[in-house]
Each structure stands twice: as C-alpha cells, then as structure tokens.
Amino acid sequence: MAIPHVASGEPVDVRPLGNRLAQGQTHALFKTEGLEVIRLVLPQGKSMPPHAVAGEITVHCLEGQIDIQTDARSQVLEAGQLLYLAGGVTHSLVSLADATALLTIVLRK
C-alpha cells in the first residue's frame, strides 16, 4: 500500500522515530513540479551508491549519523545538522548509526 502524500497546508510529523525506526520506511512526503521532500529511514550500514541529481538538495539529519561522500570530501552529519549540495554534485552515503533524514530535492527538467 502506497503512503499518500501530504496535502497543501497539512502538517506532517518529522520528529525522530526513536525506537520505531526499525519499523519505519523511506517515503516521499510530497512531490510537486519543482520540489520533492522525502523522509529517509536508514538502518545502520544502509548505503546509497554514488549518484547525482540535476537540482539542488539538502539532507537534514533528524537522528543518528550519516556519512555523505562527495568527490571533494566526506562529511558526517549528526542529528540536527543539515548539508546542502549544488545540483549535479555526485554523492553517496552510508548510515553510521540508525538514522532518519529529511531530503529535499529541487526538481529540474
């Protein structure tokens, strides 16, 4: 069953999942023509291979630790920290501890 997107003006809870993280799933909170917001659920050791998106992105670590690698460096995000990447930057990530993050992507055609 697909998780429905939130409607315009509808609040959504993005607080840390805590002991519910193991049952959590990554899902898009909403997607418009120009913006997508996704809640990432990343159990320890979960990784995403190198990739790039056309638009700018932010990764806001809500809980845990996430190591984000780019060609230039490796950055460890902890709860409460946010990372911005320009469009087209190749990046990968690995969760160093059970983590959730809020991912925003500016969609470019």
C-alpha atoms as a PDB file:
ATOM      1  CA  MET A   1       0.000   0.000   0.000  1.00  0.00           C
ATOM      2  CA  ALA A   2       1.430   3.370  -1.014  1.00  0.00           C
ATOM      3  CA  ILE A   3       1.773   6.050   1.636  1.00  0.00           C
ATOM      4  CA  PRO A   4      -0.222   9.088   0.498  1.00  0.00           C
ATOM      5  CA  HIS A   5       1.489  12.422   0.040  1.00  0.00           C
ATOM      6  CA  VAL A   6       0.539  15.238   2.379  1.00  0.00           C
ATOM      7  CA  ALA A   7      -1.827  17.883   1.053  1.00  0.00           C
ATOM      8  CA  SER A   8      -1.027  21.574   0.845  1.00  0.00           C
ATOM      9  CA  GLY A   9      -1.442  23.102   4.300  1.00  0.00           C
ATOM     10  CA  GLU A  10      -1.436  19.715   6.084  1.00  0.00           C
ATOM     11  CA  PRO A  11       1.081  19.359   8.940  1.00  0.00           C
ATOM     12  CA  VAL A  12       3.377  16.332   8.895  1.00  0.00           C
ATOM     13  CA  ASP A  13       5.347  14.911  11.807  1.00  0.00           C
ATOM     14  CA  VAL A  14       9.071  14.616  11.027  1.00  0.00           C
ATOM     15  CA  ARG A  15      10.296  14.144  14.592  1.00  0.00           C
ATOM     16  CA  PRO A  16      12.830  11.369  15.201  1.00  0.00           C
ATOM     17  CA  LEU A  17      11.344   7.873  15.130  1.00  0.00           C
ATOM     18  CA  GLY A  18      13.431   6.648  18.080  1.00  0.00           C
ATOM     19  CA  ASN A  19      12.519   3.045  18.980  1.00  0.00           C
ATOM     20  CA  ARG A  20      10.117   2.932  15.980  1.00  0.00           C
ATOM     21  CA  LEU A  21      12.950   3.393  13.464  1.00  0.00           C
ATOM     22  CA  ALA A  22      13.283  -0.341  12.757  1.00  0.00           C
ATOM     23  CA  GLN A  23       9.666  -0.397  11.516  1.00  0.00           C
ATOM     24  CA  GLY A  24       9.977   2.874   9.570  1.00  0.00           C
ATOM     25  CA  GLN A  25      10.134   3.115   5.794  1.00  0.00           C
ATOM     26  CA  THR A  26      11.535   5.703   3.445  1.00  0.00           C
ATOM     27  CA  HIS A  27       8.750   7.593   1.685  1.00  0.00           C
ATOM     28  CA  ALA A  28       8.057  10.792  -0.213  1.00  0.00           C
ATOM     29  CA  LEU A  29       6.136  13.276   1.904  1.00  0.00           C
ATOM     30  CA  PHE A  30       5.168  15.313  -1.146  1.00  0.00           C
ATOM     31  CA  LYS A  31       6.212  15.975  -4.695  1.00  0.00           C
ATOM     32  CA  THR A  32       5.349  18.936  -6.882  1.00  0.00           C
ATOM     33  CA  GLU A  33       6.578  20.013 -10.291  1.00  0.00           C
ATOM     34  CA  GLY A  34       9.570  21.758  -8.705  1.00  0.00           C
ATOM     35  CA  LEU A  35      10.203  20.133  -5.306  1.00  0.00           C
ATOM     36  CA  GLU A  36      10.252  16.732  -3.651  1.00  0.00           C
ATOM     37  CA  VAL A  37      10.600  16.088   0.095  1.00  0.00           C
ATOM     38  CA  ILE A  38      11.432  12.580   1.298  1.00  0.00           C
ATOM     39  CA  ARG A  39      11.819  11.082   4.755  1.00  0.00           C
ATOM     40  CA  LEU A  40      14.774   8.688   4.559  1.00  0.00           C
ATOM     41  CA  VAL A  41      14.920   5.794   7.019  1.00  0.00           C
ATOM     42  CA  LEU A  42      18.457   4.459   7.157  1.00  0.00           C
ATOM     43  CA  PRO A  43      19.280   1.480   9.390  1.00  0.00           C
ATOM     44  CA  GLN A  44      22.949   1.297  10.410  1.00  0.00           C
ATOM     45  CA  GLY A  45      25.082   0.194   7.461  1.00  0.00           C
ATOM     46  CA  LYS A  46      22.499   1.159   4.805  1.00  0.00           C
ATOM     47  CA  SER A  47      24.215   2.818   1.863  1.00  0.00           C
ATOM     48  CA  MET A  48      23.356   4.537  -1.387  1.00  0.00           C
ATOM     49  CA  PRO A  49      25.831   4.254  -4.270  1.00  0.00           C
ATOM     50  CA  PRO A  50      27.285   7.348  -5.970  1.00  0.00           C
ATOM     51  CA  HIS A  51      24.669   9.302  -7.907  1.00  0.00           C
ATOM     52  CA  ALA A  52      23.747  12.869  -8.810  1.00  0.00           C
ATOM     53  CA  VAL A  53      20.531  14.790  -9.340  1.00  0.00           C
ATOM     54  CA  ALA A  54      20.094  17.831 -11.556  1.00  0.00           C
ATOM     55  CA  GLY A  55      18.685  20.103  -8.853  1.00  0.00           C
ATOM     56  CA  GLU A  56      19.988  21.302  -5.525  1.00  0.00           C
ATOM     57  CA  ILE A  57      19.433  19.098  -2.469  1.00  0.00           C
ATOM     58  CA  THR A  58      19.543  19.331   1.285  1.00  0.00           C
ATOM     59  CA  VAL A  59      19.928  16.452   3.718  1.00  0.00           C
ATOM     60  CA  HIS A  60      18.754  17.247   7.261  1.00  0.00           C
ATOM     61  CA  CYS A  61      19.767  14.515   9.719  1.00  0.00           C
ATOM     62  CA  LEU A  62      16.923  14.060  12.205  1.00  0.00           C
ATOM     63  CA  GLU A  63      18.554  11.287  14.259  1.00  0.00           C
ATOM     64  CA  GLY A  64      21.591   9.041  14.098  1.00  0.00           C
ATOM     65  CA  GLN A  65      24.670   9.638  11.951  1.00  0.00           C
ATOM     66  CA  ILE A  66      25.048   9.709   8.176  1.00  0.00           C
ATOM     67  CA  ASP A  67      28.342   9.865   6.281  1.00  0.00           C
ATOM     68  CA  ILE A  68      27.880  11.707   2.981  1.00  0.00           C
ATOM     69  CA  GLN A  69      30.714  11.490   0.471  1.00  0.00           C
ATOM     70  CA  THR A  70      31.323  13.772  -2.492  1.00  0.00           C
ATOM     71  CA  ASP A  71      34.328  13.995  -4.778  1.00  0.00           C
ATOM     72  CA  ALA A  72      35.661  16.753  -2.555  1.00  0.00           C
ATOM     73  CA  ARG A  73      35.197  15.259   0.937  1.00  0.00           C
ATOM     74  CA  SER A  74      33.379  13.108   3.432  1.00  0.00           C
ATOM     75  CA  GLN A  75      31.013  14.801   5.897  1.00  0.00           C
ATOM     76  CA  VAL A  76      29.408  13.102   8.903  1.00  0.00           C
ATOM     77  CA  LEU A  77      26.005  14.563   9.722  1.00  0.00           C
ATOM     78  CA  GLU A  78      24.585  14.148  13.205  1.00  0.00           C
ATOM     79  CA  ALA A  79      21.093  14.850  14.500  1.00  0.00           C
ATOM     80  CA  GLY A  80      20.159  18.463  13.872  1.00  0.00           C
ATOM     81  CA  GLN A  81      22.719  19.073  11.123  1.00  0.00           C
ATOM     82  CA  LEU A  82      21.884  19.920   7.515  1.00  0.00           C
ATOM     83  CA  LEU A  83      24.020  19.597   4.383  1.00  0.00           C
ATOM     84  CA  TYR A  84      23.417  21.457   1.107  1.00  0.00           C
ATOM     85  CA  LEU A  85      24.677  20.133  -2.228  1.00  0.00           C
ATOM     86  CA  ALA A  86      24.555  22.022  -5.501  1.00  0.00           C
ATOM     87  CA  GLY A  87      22.806  20.410  -8.429  1.00  0.00           C
ATOM     88  CA  GLY A  88      24.859  17.832 -10.312  1.00  0.00           C
ATOM     89  CA  VAL A  89      27.231  17.014  -7.422  1.00  0.00           C
ATOM     90  CA  THR A  90      27.931  13.282  -7.316  1.00  0.00           C
ATOM     91  CA  HIS A  91      27.406  11.944  -3.810  1.00  0.00           C
ATOM     92  CA  SER A  92      26.922   8.712  -1.898  1.00  0.00           C
ATOM     93  CA  LEU A  93      26.042   7.941   1.697  1.00  0.00           C
ATOM     94  CA  VAL A  94      26.230   5.352   4.415  1.00  0.00           C
ATOM     95  CA  SER A  95      24.403   5.335   7.729  1.00  0.00           C
ATOM     96  CA  LEU A  96      26.886   5.050  10.609  1.00  0.00           C
ATOM     97  CA  ALA A  97      24.051   4.524  13.123  1.00  0.00           C
ATOM     98  CA  ASP A  98      20.304   4.017  12.750  1.00  0.00           C
ATOM     99  CA  ALA A  99      19.206   7.320  11.235  1.00  0.00           C
ATOM    100  CA  THR A 100      16.386   9.277   9.684  1.00  0.00           C
ATOM    101  CA  ALA A 101      16.800  12.307   7.480  1.00  0.00           C
ATOM    102  CA  LEU A 102      14.683  14.809   5.622  1.00  0.00           C
ATOM    103  CA  LEU A 103      15.790  15.030   1.979  1.00  0.00           C
ATOM    104  CA  THR A 104      14.709  17.952  -0.197  1.00  0.00           C
ATOM    105  CA  ILE A 105      15.307  17.919  -3.932  1.00  0.00           C
ATOM    106  CA  VAL A 106      14.763  20.824  -6.298  1.00  0.00           C
ATOM    107  CA  LEU A 107      13.448  19.143  -9.441  1.00  0.00           C
ATOM    108  CA  ARG A 108      14.952  20.273 -12.733  1.00  0.00           C
ATOM    109  CA  LYS A 109      13.861  19.199 -16.176  1.00  0.00           C
END
